[in-house]
Amino acid sequence: MELKNFFALDDQGNTLPDATCYLYERGSETLVKGLQGANGLALSNPFLSDQQGLVQFAAPNGLYDLRVVKGNRDNRIRLQFNDVTETSEAIDKAVQASE
């Protein structure tokens, strides 16, 4: 799982503490399961940015849409998660299986 870090910001670049964050499967309204916080513990979805507006979480490899909402601010960011270690291990297993 790859860890991502963002700051929730308003139109003037001010941080948005306690913004609600939703991670969806790309192009849908389906919430992603299996999120983790920076500490490796399970993270609910939706979750909140911290008091400094920091949005920090890890998700399984895949394509997602991150939605960040606070007041009249409602933004979506397209994301890709790719833990290179996991991808490398999967390639090694595929090579071994084909030999």
PDB file of N, CA and C in Angstrom:
ATOM      1  N   MET A   1       0.837  -1.176   0.000  1.00  0.00           N
ATOM      2  CA  MET A   1       0.000   0.000   0.000  1.00  0.00           C
ATOM      3  C   MET A   1       0.882   1.240   0.000  1.00  0.00           C
ATOM      4  N   GLU A   2       0.498   2.171  -0.815  1.00  0.00           N
ATOM      5  CA  GLU A   2       1.248   3.427  -0.929  1.00  0.00           C
ATOM      6  C   GLU A   2       0.610   4.493  -0.036  1.00  0.00           C
ATOM      7  N   LEU A   3       1.449   5.258   0.653  1.00  0.00           N
ATOM      8  CA  LEU A   3       0.987   6.347   1.510  1.00  0.00           C
ATOM      9  C   LEU A   3       0.981   7.646   0.715  1.00  0.00           C
ATOM     10  N   LYS A   4      -0.147   8.369   0.752  1.00  0.00           N
ATOM     11  CA  LYS A   4      -0.270   9.670   0.086  1.00  0.00           C
ATOM     12  C   LYS A   4      -0.465  10.750   1.141  1.00  0.00           C
ATOM     13  N   ASN A   5       0.021  11.950   0.839  1.00  0.00           N
ATOM     14  CA  ASN A   5      -0.094  13.109   1.726  1.00  0.00           C
ATOM     15  C   ASN A   5      -0.554  14.315   0.913  1.00  0.00           C
ATOM     16  N   PHE A   6      -1.583  14.986   1.388  1.00  0.00           N
ATOM     17  CA  PHE A   6      -2.111  16.186   0.743  1.00  0.00           C
ATOM     18  C   PHE A   6      -2.509  17.170   1.828  1.00  0.00           C
ATOM     19  N   PHE A   7      -2.740  18.414   1.440  1.00  0.00           N
ATOM     20  CA  PHE A   7      -3.361  19.387   2.327  1.00  0.00           C
ATOM     21  C   PHE A   7      -4.667  19.833   1.700  1.00  0.00           C
ATOM     22  N   ALA A   8      -5.738  19.796   2.489  1.00  0.00           N
ATOM     23  CA  ALA A   8      -7.029  20.323   2.055  1.00  0.00           C
ATOM     24  C   ALA A   8      -6.934  21.842   2.126  1.00  0.00           C
ATOM     25  N   LEU A   9      -7.212  22.506   0.994  1.00  0.00           N
ATOM     26  CA  LEU A   9      -7.055  23.961   0.901  1.00  0.00           C
ATOM     27  C   LEU A   9      -8.309  24.608   0.337  1.00  0.00           C
ATOM     28  N   ASP A  10      -8.549  25.866   0.744  1.00  0.00           N
ATOM     29  CA  ASP A  10      -9.637  26.634   0.145  1.00  0.00           C
ATOM     30  C   ASP A  10      -9.111  27.361  -1.096  1.00  0.00           C
ATOM     31  N   ASP A  11      -9.939  28.193  -1.722  1.00  0.00           N
ATOM     32  CA  ASP A  11      -9.550  28.882  -2.963  1.00  0.00           C
ATOM     33  C   ASP A  11      -8.389  29.857  -2.771  1.00  0.00           C
ATOM     34  N   GLN A  12      -8.163  30.319  -1.532  1.00  0.00           N
ATOM     35  CA  GLN A  12      -7.069  31.249  -1.253  1.00  0.00           C
ATOM     36  C   GLN A  12      -5.805  30.543  -0.770  1.00  0.00           C
ATOM     37  N   GLY A  13      -5.843  29.212  -0.710  1.00  0.00           N
ATOM     38  CA  GLY A  13      -4.674  28.453  -0.276  1.00  0.00           C
ATOM     39  C   GLY A  13      -4.584  28.251   1.222  1.00  0.00           C
ATOM     40  N   ASN A  14      -5.641  28.615   1.956  1.00  0.00           N
ATOM     41  CA  ASN A  14      -5.671  28.372   3.403  1.00  0.00           C
ATOM     42  C   ASN A  14      -6.043  26.924   3.672  1.00  0.00           C
ATOM     43  N   THR A  15      -5.438  26.345   4.700  1.00  0.00           N
ATOM     44  CA  THR A  15      -5.741  24.955   5.017  1.00  0.00           C
ATOM     45  C   THR A  15      -7.149  24.822   5.572  1.00  0.00           C
ATOM     46  N   LEU A  16      -7.728  23.634   5.367  1.00  0.00           N
ATOM     47  CA  LEU A  16      -9.075  23.327   5.834  1.00  0.00           C
ATOM     48  C   LEU A  16      -9.005  22.205   6.864  1.00  0.00           C
ATOM     49  N   PRO A  17      -8.940  22.549   8.155  1.00  0.00           N
ATOM     50  CA  PRO A  17      -8.938  21.509   9.174  1.00  0.00           C
ATOM     51  C   PRO A  17     -10.272  20.784   9.205  1.00  0.00           C
ATOM     52  N   ASP A  18     -10.229  19.514   9.551  1.00  0.00           N
ATOM     53  CA  ASP A  18     -11.425  18.676   9.699  1.00  0.00           C
ATOM     54  C   ASP A  18     -12.281  18.625   8.436  1.00  0.00           C
ATOM     55  N   ALA A  19     -11.662  18.664   7.265  1.00  0.00           N
ATOM     56  CA  ALA A  19     -12.398  18.464   6.011  1.00  0.00           C
ATOM     57  C   ALA A  19     -12.738  16.978   5.898  1.00  0.00           C
ATOM     58  N   THR A  20     -13.910  16.682   5.377  1.00  0.00           N
ATOM     59  CA  THR A  20     -14.325  15.290   5.199  1.00  0.00           C
ATOM     60  C   THR A  20     -13.777  14.773   3.872  1.00  0.00           C
ATOM     61  N   CYS A  21     -13.120  13.615   3.936  1.00  0.00           N
ATOM     62  CA  CYS A  21     -12.473  13.024   2.769  1.00  0.00           C
ATOM     63  C   CYS A  21     -13.109  11.669   2.462  1.00  0.00           C
ATOM     64  N   TYR A  22     -13.441  11.481   1.188  1.00  0.00           N
ATOM     65  CA  TYR A  22     -14.016  10.229   0.708  1.00  0.00           C
ATOM     66  C   TYR A  22     -13.091   9.679  -0.362  1.00  0.00           C
ATOM     67  N   LEU A  23     -12.759   8.398  -0.299  1.00  0.00           N
ATOM     68  CA  LEU A  23     -11.989   7.775  -1.372  1.00  0.00           C
ATOM     69  C   LEU A  23     -12.916   6.811  -2.093  1.00  0.00           C
ATOM     70  N   TYR A  24     -13.152   7.107  -3.392  1.00  0.00           N
ATOM     71  CA  TYR A  24     -14.051   6.308  -4.226  1.00  0.00           C
ATOM     72  C   TYR A  24     -13.258   5.517  -5.254  1.00  0.00           C
ATOM     73  N   GLU A  25     -13.830   4.389  -5.681  1.00  0.00           N
ATOM     74  CA  GLU A  25     -13.293   3.717  -6.849  1.00  0.00           C
ATOM     75  C   GLU A  25     -13.458   4.665  -8.029  1.00  0.00           C
ATOM     76  N   ARG A  26     -12.479   4.732  -8.901  1.00  0.00           N
ATOM     77  CA  ARG A  26     -12.461   5.692 -10.011  1.00  0.00           C
ATOM     78  C   ARG A  26     -13.778   5.681 -10.777  1.00  0.00           C
ATOM     79  N   GLY A  27     -14.357   6.881 -10.953  1.00  0.00           N
ATOM     80  CA  GLY A  27     -15.555   7.047 -11.757  1.00  0.00           C
ATOM     81  C   GLY A  27     -16.839   6.555 -11.125  1.00  0.00           C
ATOM     82  N   SER A  28     -16.828   6.337  -9.814  1.00  0.00           N
ATOM     83  CA  SER A  28     -18.027   5.812  -9.150  1.00  0.00           C
ATOM     84  C   SER A  28     -18.253   6.526  -7.820  1.00  0.00           C
ATOM     85  N   GLU A  29     -19.286   6.108  -7.139  1.00  0.00           N
ATOM     86  CA  GLU A  29     -19.561   6.583  -5.778  1.00  0.00           C
ATOM     87  C   GLU A  29     -19.352   5.445  -4.775  1.00  0.00           C
ATOM     88  N   THR A  30     -18.604   4.421  -5.164  1.00  0.00           N
ATOM     89  CA  THR A  30     -18.321   3.267  -4.312  1.00  0.00           C
ATOM     90  C   THR A  30     -17.118   3.574  -3.436  1.00  0.00           C
ATOM     91  N   LEU A  31     -17.344   3.602  -2.119  1.00  0.00           N
ATOM     92  CA  LEU A  31     -16.255   3.868  -1.177  1.00  0.00           C
ATOM     93  C   LEU A  31     -15.270   2.709  -1.159  1.00  0.00           C
ATOM     94  N   VAL A  32     -13.993   3.047  -1.122  1.00  0.00           N
ATOM     95  CA  VAL A  32     -12.925   2.051  -1.076  1.00  0.00           C
ATOM     96  C   VAL A  32     -12.787   1.526   0.349  1.00  0.00           C
ATOM     97  N   LYS A  33     -12.557   0.238   0.474  1.00  0.00           N
ATOM     98  CA  LYS A  33     -12.321  -0.392   1.776  1.00  0.00           C
ATOM     99  C   LYS A  33     -10.842  -0.703   1.917  1.00  0.00           C
ATOM    100  N   GLY A  34     -10.410  -0.925   3.143  1.00  0.00           N
ATOM    101  CA  GLY A  34      -9.027  -1.326   3.384  1.00  0.00           C
ATOM    102  C   GLY A  34      -8.036  -0.190   3.488  1.00  0.00           C
ATOM    103  N   LEU A  35      -8.512   1.026   3.809  1.00  0.00           N
ATOM    104  CA  LEU A  35      -7.597   2.153   3.972  1.00  0.00           C
ATOM    105  C   LEU A  35      -6.824   2.030   5.275  1.00  0.00           C
ATOM    106  N   GLN A  36      -5.656   2.644   5.299  1.00  0.00           N
ATOM    107  CA  GLN A  36      -4.835   2.689   6.510  1.00  0.00           C
ATOM    108  C   GLN A  36      -4.357   4.110   6.739  1.00  0.00           C
ATOM    109  N   GLY A  37      -4.175   4.454   8.007  1.00  0.00           N
ATOM    110  CA  GLY A  37      -3.565   5.722   8.365  1.00  0.00           C
ATOM    111  C   GLY A  37      -2.056   5.607   8.239  1.00  0.00           C
ATOM    112  N   ALA A  38      -1.355   6.710   8.440  1.00  0.00           N
ATOM    113  CA  ALA A  38       0.107   6.710   8.360  1.00  0.00           C
ATOM    114  C   ALA A  38       0.730   5.782   9.389  1.00  0.00           C
ATOM    115  N   ASN A  39      -0.004   5.512  10.473  1.00  0.00           N
ATOM    116  CA  ASN A  39       0.476   4.623  11.529  1.00  0.00           C
ATOM    117  C   ASN A  39       0.233   3.151  11.214  1.00  0.00           C
ATOM    118  N   GLY A  40      -0.381   2.851  10.062  1.00  0.00           N
ATOM    119  CA  GLY A  40      -0.641   1.473   9.661  1.00  0.00           C
ATOM    120  C   GLY A  40      -1.933   0.905  10.201  1.00  0.00           C
ATOM    121  N   LEU A  41      -2.662   1.666  11.004  1.00  0.00           N
ATOM    122  CA  LEU A  41      -3.934   1.199  11.552  1.00  0.00           C
ATOM    123  C   LEU A  41      -5.061   1.446  10.558  1.00  0.00           C
ATOM    124  N   ALA A  42      -6.127   0.644  10.669  1.00  0.00           N
ATOM    125  CA  ALA A  42      -7.284   0.782   9.785  1.00  0.00           C
ATOM    126  C   ALA A  42      -7.850   2.203   9.875  1.00  0.00           C
ATOM    127  N   LEU A  43      -8.288   2.716   8.735  1.00  0.00           N
ATOM    128  CA  LEU A  43      -8.850   4.059   8.645  1.00  0.00           C
ATOM    129  C   LEU A  43     -10.231   3.944   8.019  1.00  0.00           C
ATOM    130  N   SER A  44     -11.216   4.560   8.647  1.00  0.00           N
ATOM    131  CA  SER A  44     -12.571   4.518   8.100  1.00  0.00           C
ATOM    132  C   SER A  44     -12.648   5.361   6.829  1.00  0.00           C
ATOM    133  N   ASN A  45     -13.670   5.146   6.057  1.00  0.00           N
ATOM    134  CA  ASN A  45     -13.903   5.898   4.833  1.00  0.00           C
ATOM    135  C   ASN A  45     -15.376   6.267   4.814  1.00  0.00           C
ATOM    136  N   PRO A  46     -15.743   7.531   5.001  1.00  0.00           N
ATOM    137  CA  PRO A  46     -14.907   8.725   4.939  1.00  0.00           C
ATOM    138  C   PRO A  46     -14.076   8.936   6.206  1.00  0.00           C
ATOM    139  N   PHE A  47     -13.105   9.847   6.086  1.00  0.00           N
ATOM    140  CA  PHE A  47     -12.225  10.218   7.196  1.00  0.00           C
ATOM    141  C   PHE A  47     -12.014  11.720   7.151  1.00  0.00           C
ATOM    142  N   LEU A  48     -11.379  12.274   8.168  1.00  0.00           N
ATOM    143  CA  LEU A  48     -11.184  13.726   8.266  1.00  0.00           C
ATOM    144  C   LEU A  48      -9.722  14.109   8.094  1.00  0.00           C
ATOM    145  N   SER A  49      -9.503  15.302   7.522  1.00  0.00           N
ATOM    146  CA  SER A  49      -8.158  15.874   7.551  1.00  0.00           C
ATOM    147  C   SER A  49      -7.855  16.260   9.002  1.00  0.00           C
ATOM    148  N   ASP A  50      -6.583  16.453   9.338  1.00  0.00           N
ATOM    149  CA  ASP A  50      -6.256  16.807  10.718  1.00  0.00           C
ATOM    150  C   ASP A  50      -6.435  18.312  10.955  1.00  0.00           C
ATOM    151  N   GLN A  51      -6.006  18.796  12.111  1.00  0.00           N
ATOM    152  CA  GLN A  51      -6.196  20.199  12.485  1.00  0.00           C
ATOM    153  C   GLN A  51      -5.411  21.172  11.610  1.00  0.00           C
ATOM    154  N   GLN A  52      -4.404  20.664  10.895  1.00  0.00           N
ATOM    155  CA  GLN A  52      -3.634  21.501   9.970  1.00  0.00           C
ATOM    156  C   GLN A  52      -4.075  21.286   8.515  1.00  0.00           C
ATOM    157  N   GLY A  53      -5.160  20.535   8.305  1.00  0.00           N
ATOM    158  CA  GLY A  53      -5.652  20.259   6.961  1.00  0.00           C
ATOM    159  C   GLY A  53      -4.943  19.117   6.263  1.00  0.00           C
ATOM    160  N   LEU A  54      -4.068  18.391   6.981  1.00  0.00           N
ATOM    161  CA  LEU A  54      -3.325  17.285   6.377  1.00  0.00           C
ATOM    162  C   LEU A  54      -4.249  16.099   6.116  1.00  0.00           C
ATOM    163  N   VAL A  55      -4.209  15.630   4.882  1.00  0.00           N
ATOM    164  CA  VAL A  55      -4.929  14.424   4.462  1.00  0.00           C
ATOM    165  C   VAL A  55      -3.853  13.380   4.215  1.00  0.00           C
ATOM    166  N   GLN A  56      -3.846  12.317   5.010  1.00  0.00           N
ATOM    167  CA  GLN A  56      -2.766  11.329   4.948  1.00  0.00           C
ATOM    168  C   GLN A  56      -3.371   9.940   5.086  1.00  0.00           C
ATOM    169  N   PHE A  57      -3.148   9.092   4.069  1.00  0.00           N
ATOM    170  CA  PHE A  57      -3.726   7.752   4.101  1.00  0.00           C
ATOM    171  C   PHE A  57      -3.020   6.847   3.086  1.00  0.00           C
ATOM    172  N   ALA A  58      -3.195   5.554   3.273  1.00  0.00           N
ATOM    173  CA  ALA A  58      -2.671   4.553   2.355  1.00  0.00           C
ATOM    174  C   ALA A  58      -3.838   3.725   1.838  1.00  0.00           C
ATOM    175  N   ALA A  59      -3.726   3.289   0.579  1.00  0.00           N
ATOM    176  CA  ALA A  59      -4.763   2.481  -0.046  1.00  0.00           C
ATOM    177  C   ALA A  59      -4.105   1.405  -0.905  1.00  0.00           C
ATOM    178  N   PRO A  60      -4.849   0.335  -1.191  1.00  0.00           N
ATOM    179  CA  PRO A  60      -4.323  -0.701  -2.080  1.00  0.00           C
ATOM    180  C   PRO A  60      -4.030  -0.132  -3.470  1.00  0.00           C
ATOM    181  N   ASN A  61      -3.184  -0.810  -4.218  1.00  0.00           N
ATOM    182  CA  ASN A  61      -2.891  -0.392  -5.586  1.00  0.00           C
ATOM    183  C   ASN A  61      -4.197  -0.253  -6.367  1.00  0.00           C
ATOM    184  N   GLY A  62      -4.317   0.840  -7.122  1.00  0.00           N
ATOM    185  CA  GLY A  62      -5.516   1.029  -7.935  1.00  0.00           C
ATOM    186  C   GLY A  62      -5.721   2.479  -8.313  1.00  0.00           C
ATOM    187  N   LEU A  63      -6.821   2.719  -9.033  1.00  0.00           N
ATOM    188  CA  LEU A  63      -7.209   4.051  -9.491  1.00  0.00           C
ATOM    189  C   LEU A  63      -8.394   4.528  -8.663  1.00  0.00           C
ATOM    190  N   TYR A  64      -8.309   5.755  -8.148  1.00  0.00           N
ATOM    191  CA  TYR A  64      -9.316   6.260  -7.227  1.00  0.00           C
ATOM    192  C   TYR A  64      -9.629   7.727  -7.491  1.00  0.00           C
ATOM    193  N   ASP A  65     -10.746   8.166  -6.899  1.00  0.00           N
ATOM    194  CA  ASP A  65     -11.109   9.577  -6.842  1.00  0.00           C
ATOM    195  C   ASP A  65     -11.174   9.965  -5.370  1.00  0.00           C
ATOM    196  N   LEU A  66     -10.414  10.980  -4.982  1.00  0.00           N
ATOM    197  CA  LEU A  66     -10.460  11.511  -3.625  1.00  0.00           C
ATOM    198  C   LEU A  66     -11.353  12.746  -3.639  1.00  0.00           C
ATOM    199  N   ARG A  67     -12.390  12.732  -2.820  1.00  0.00           N
ATOM    200  CA  ARG A  67     -13.290  13.871  -2.684  1.00  0.00           C
ATOM    201  C   ARG A  67     -13.045  14.511  -1.326  1.00  0.00           C
ATOM    202  N   VAL A  68     -12.807  15.829  -1.312  1.00  0.00           N
ATOM    203  CA  VAL A  68     -12.539  16.575  -0.084  1.00  0.00           C
ATOM    204  C   VAL A  68     -13.617  17.653   0.044  1.00  0.00           C
ATOM    205  N   VAL A  69     -14.357  17.620   1.167  1.00  0.00           N
ATOM    206  CA  VAL A  69     -15.510  18.510   1.359  1.00  0.00           C
ATOM    207  C   VAL A  69     -15.377  19.259   2.677  1.00  0.00           C
ATOM    208  N   LYS A  70     -15.590  20.581   2.615  1.00  0.00           N
ATOM    209  CA  LYS A  70     -15.672  21.404   3.826  1.00  0.00           C
ATOM    210  C   LYS A  70     -16.430  22.671   3.451  1.00  0.00           C
ATOM    211  N   GLY A  71     -17.550  22.913   4.109  1.00  0.00           N
ATOM    212  CA  GLY A  71     -18.367  24.074   3.789  1.00  0.00           C
ATOM    213  C   GLY A  71     -18.809  24.015   2.340  1.00  0.00           C
ATOM    214  N   ASN A  72     -18.584  25.103   1.586  1.00  0.00           N
ATOM    215  CA  ASN A  72     -18.973  25.119   0.177  1.00  0.00           C
ATOM    216  C   ASN A  72     -17.874  24.583  -0.742  1.00  0.00           C
ATOM    217  N   ARG A  73     -16.774  24.124  -0.165  1.00  0.00           N
ATOM    218  CA  ARG A  73     -15.660  23.547  -0.927  1.00  0.00           C
ATOM    219  C   ARG A  73     -15.922  22.061  -1.141  1.00  0.00           C
ATOM    220  N   ASP A  74     -15.917  21.599  -2.394  1.00  0.00           N
ATOM    221  CA  ASP A  74     -16.160  20.192  -2.733  1.00  0.00           C
ATOM    222  C   ASP A  74     -15.311  19.861  -3.947  1.00  0.00           C
ATOM    223  N   ASN A  75     -14.125  19.308  -3.715  1.00  0.00           N
ATOM    224  CA  ASN A  75     -13.165  19.009  -4.783  1.00  0.00           C
ATOM    225  C   ASN A  75     -12.957  17.517  -4.943  1.00  0.00           C
ATOM    226  N   ARG A  76     -12.643  17.127  -6.164  1.00  0.00           N
ATOM    227  CA  ARG A  76     -12.265  15.739  -6.449  1.00  0.00           C
ATOM    228  C   ARG A  76     -10.901  15.735  -7.122  1.00  0.00           C
ATOM    229  N   ILE A  77     -10.090  14.780  -6.698  1.00  0.00           N
ATOM    230  CA  ILE A  77      -8.746  14.602  -7.247  1.00  0.00           C
ATOM    231  C   ILE A  77      -8.625  13.165  -7.714  1.00  0.00           C
ATOM    232  N   ARG A  78      -8.159  12.973  -8.941  1.00  0.00           N
ATOM    233  CA  ARG A  78      -7.938  11.612  -9.448  1.00  0.00           C
ATOM    234  C   ARG A  78      -6.566  11.141  -8.967  1.00  0.00           C
ATOM    235  N   LEU A  79      -6.523   9.928  -8.420  1.00  0.00           N
ATOM    236  CA  LEU A  79      -5.286   9.393  -7.850  1.00  0.00           C
ATOM    237  C   LEU A  79      -4.990   7.997  -8.371  1.00  0.00           C
ATOM    238  N   GLN A  80      -3.730   7.667  -8.395  1.00  0.00           N
ATOM    239  CA  GLN A  80      -3.303   6.295  -8.641  1.00  0.00           C
ATOM    240  C   GLN A  80      -2.390   5.883  -7.495  1.00  0.00           C
ATOM    241  N   PHE A  81      -2.654   4.736  -6.934  1.00  0.00           N
ATOM    242  CA  PHE A  81      -1.801   4.170  -5.896  1.00  0.00           C
ATOM    243  C   PHE A  81      -1.066   2.988  -6.509  1.00  0.00           C
ATOM    244  N   ASN A  82       0.258   2.961  -6.328  1.00  0.00           N
ATOM    245  CA  ASN A  82       1.051   1.848  -6.824  1.00  0.00           C
ATOM    246  C   ASN A  82       2.253   1.662  -5.914  1.00  0.00           C
ATOM    247  N   ASP A  83       2.153   0.690  -5.044  1.00  0.00           N
ATOM    248  CA  ASP A  83       3.270   0.331  -4.182  1.00  0.00           C
ATOM    249  C   ASP A  83       4.228  -0.500  -5.029  1.00  0.00           C
ATOM    250  N   VAL A  84       5.380   0.062  -5.363  1.00  0.00           N
ATOM    251  CA  VAL A  84       6.327  -0.586  -6.266  1.00  0.00           C
ATOM    252  C   VAL A  84       6.791  -1.928  -5.711  1.00  0.00           C
ATOM    253  N   THR A  85       6.936  -2.036  -4.405  1.00  0.00           N
ATOM    254  CA  THR A  85       7.356  -3.302  -3.795  1.00  0.00           C
ATOM    255  C   THR A  85       6.331  -4.393  -4.080  1.00  0.00           C
ATOM    256  N   GLU A  86       5.047  -4.084  -3.904  1.00  0.00           N
ATOM    257  CA  GLU A  86       3.987  -5.071  -4.175  1.00  0.00           C
ATOM    258  C   GLU A  86       3.968  -5.454  -5.648  1.00  0.00           C
ATOM    259  N   THR A  87       4.133  -4.485  -6.536  1.00  0.00           N
ATOM    260  CA  THR A  87       4.125  -4.759  -7.972  1.00  0.00           C
ATOM    261  C   THR A  87       5.312  -5.640  -8.351  1.00  0.00           C
ATOM    262  N   SER A  88       6.478  -5.340  -7.798  1.00  0.00           N
ATOM    263  CA  SER A  88       7.677  -6.130  -8.073  1.00  0.00           C
ATOM    264  C   SER A  88       7.507  -7.572  -7.595  1.00  0.00           C
ATOM    265  N   GLU A  89       6.930  -7.751  -6.418  1.00  0.00           N
ATOM    266  CA  GLU A  89       6.686  -9.099  -5.896  1.00  0.00           C
ATOM    267  C   GLU A  89       5.716  -9.864  -6.786  1.00  0.00           C
ATOM    268  N   ALA A  90       4.684  -9.202  -7.282  1.00  0.00           N
ATOM    269  CA  ALA A  90       3.720  -9.853  -8.169  1.00  0.00           C
ATOM    270  C   ALA A  90       4.385 -10.275  -9.478  1.00  0.00           C
ATOM    271  N   ILE A  91       5.280  -9.436  -9.997  1.00  0.00           N
ATOM    272  CA  ILE A  91       5.997  -9.773 -11.228  1.00  0.00           C
ATOM    273  C   ILE A  91       6.894 -10.983 -10.998  1.00  0.00           C
ATOM    274  N   ASP A  92       7.617 -10.990  -9.869  1.00  0.00           N
ATOM    275  CA  ASP A  92       8.497 -12.113  -9.551  1.00  0.00           C
ATOM    276  C   ASP A  92       7.705 -13.422  -9.453  1.00  0.00           C
ATOM    277  N   LYS A  93       6.548 -13.384  -8.824  1.00  0.00           N
ATOM    278  CA  LYS A  93       5.701 -14.595  -8.717  1.00  0.00           C
ATOM    279  C   LYS A  93       5.232 -15.066 -10.084  1.00  0.00           C
ATOM    280  N   ALA A  94       4.857 -14.121 -10.955  1.00  0.00           N
ATOM    281  CA  ALA A  94       4.406 -14.487 -12.301  1.00  0.00           C
ATOM    282  C   ALA A  94       5.531 -15.119 -13.104  1.00  0.00           C
ATOM    283  N   VAL A  95       6.735 -14.567 -12.967  1.00  0.00           N
ATOM    284  CA  VAL A  95       7.899 -15.127 -13.674  1.00  0.00           C
ATOM    285  C   VAL A  95       8.182 -16.533 -13.176  1.00  0.00           C
ATOM    286  N   GLN A  96       8.191 -16.747 -11.875  1.00  0.00           N
ATOM    287  CA  GLN A  96       8.448 -18.055 -11.292  1.00  0.00           C
ATOM    288  C   GLN A  96       7.395 -19.080 -11.737  1.00  0.00           C
ATOM    289  N   ALA A  97       6.142 -18.636 -11.815  1.00  0.00           N
ATOM    290  CA  ALA A  97       5.070 -19.545 -12.220  1.00  0.00           C
ATOM    291  C   ALA A  97       5.206 -19.950 -13.692  1.00  0.00           C
ATOM    292  N   SER A  98       5.775 -19.088 -14.514  1.00  0.00           N
ATOM    293  CA  SER A  98       5.891 -19.381 -15.938  1.00  0.00           C
ATOM    294  C   SER A  98       7.112 -20.239 -16.267  1.00  0.00           C
ATOM    295  N   GLU A  99       8.025 -20.388 -15.324  1.00  0.00           N
ATOM    296  CA  GLU A  99       9.254 -21.155 -15.585  1.00  0.00           C
ATOM    297  C   GLU A  99       9.053 -22.626 -15.463  1.00  0.00           C
TER     298      GLU A  99
END
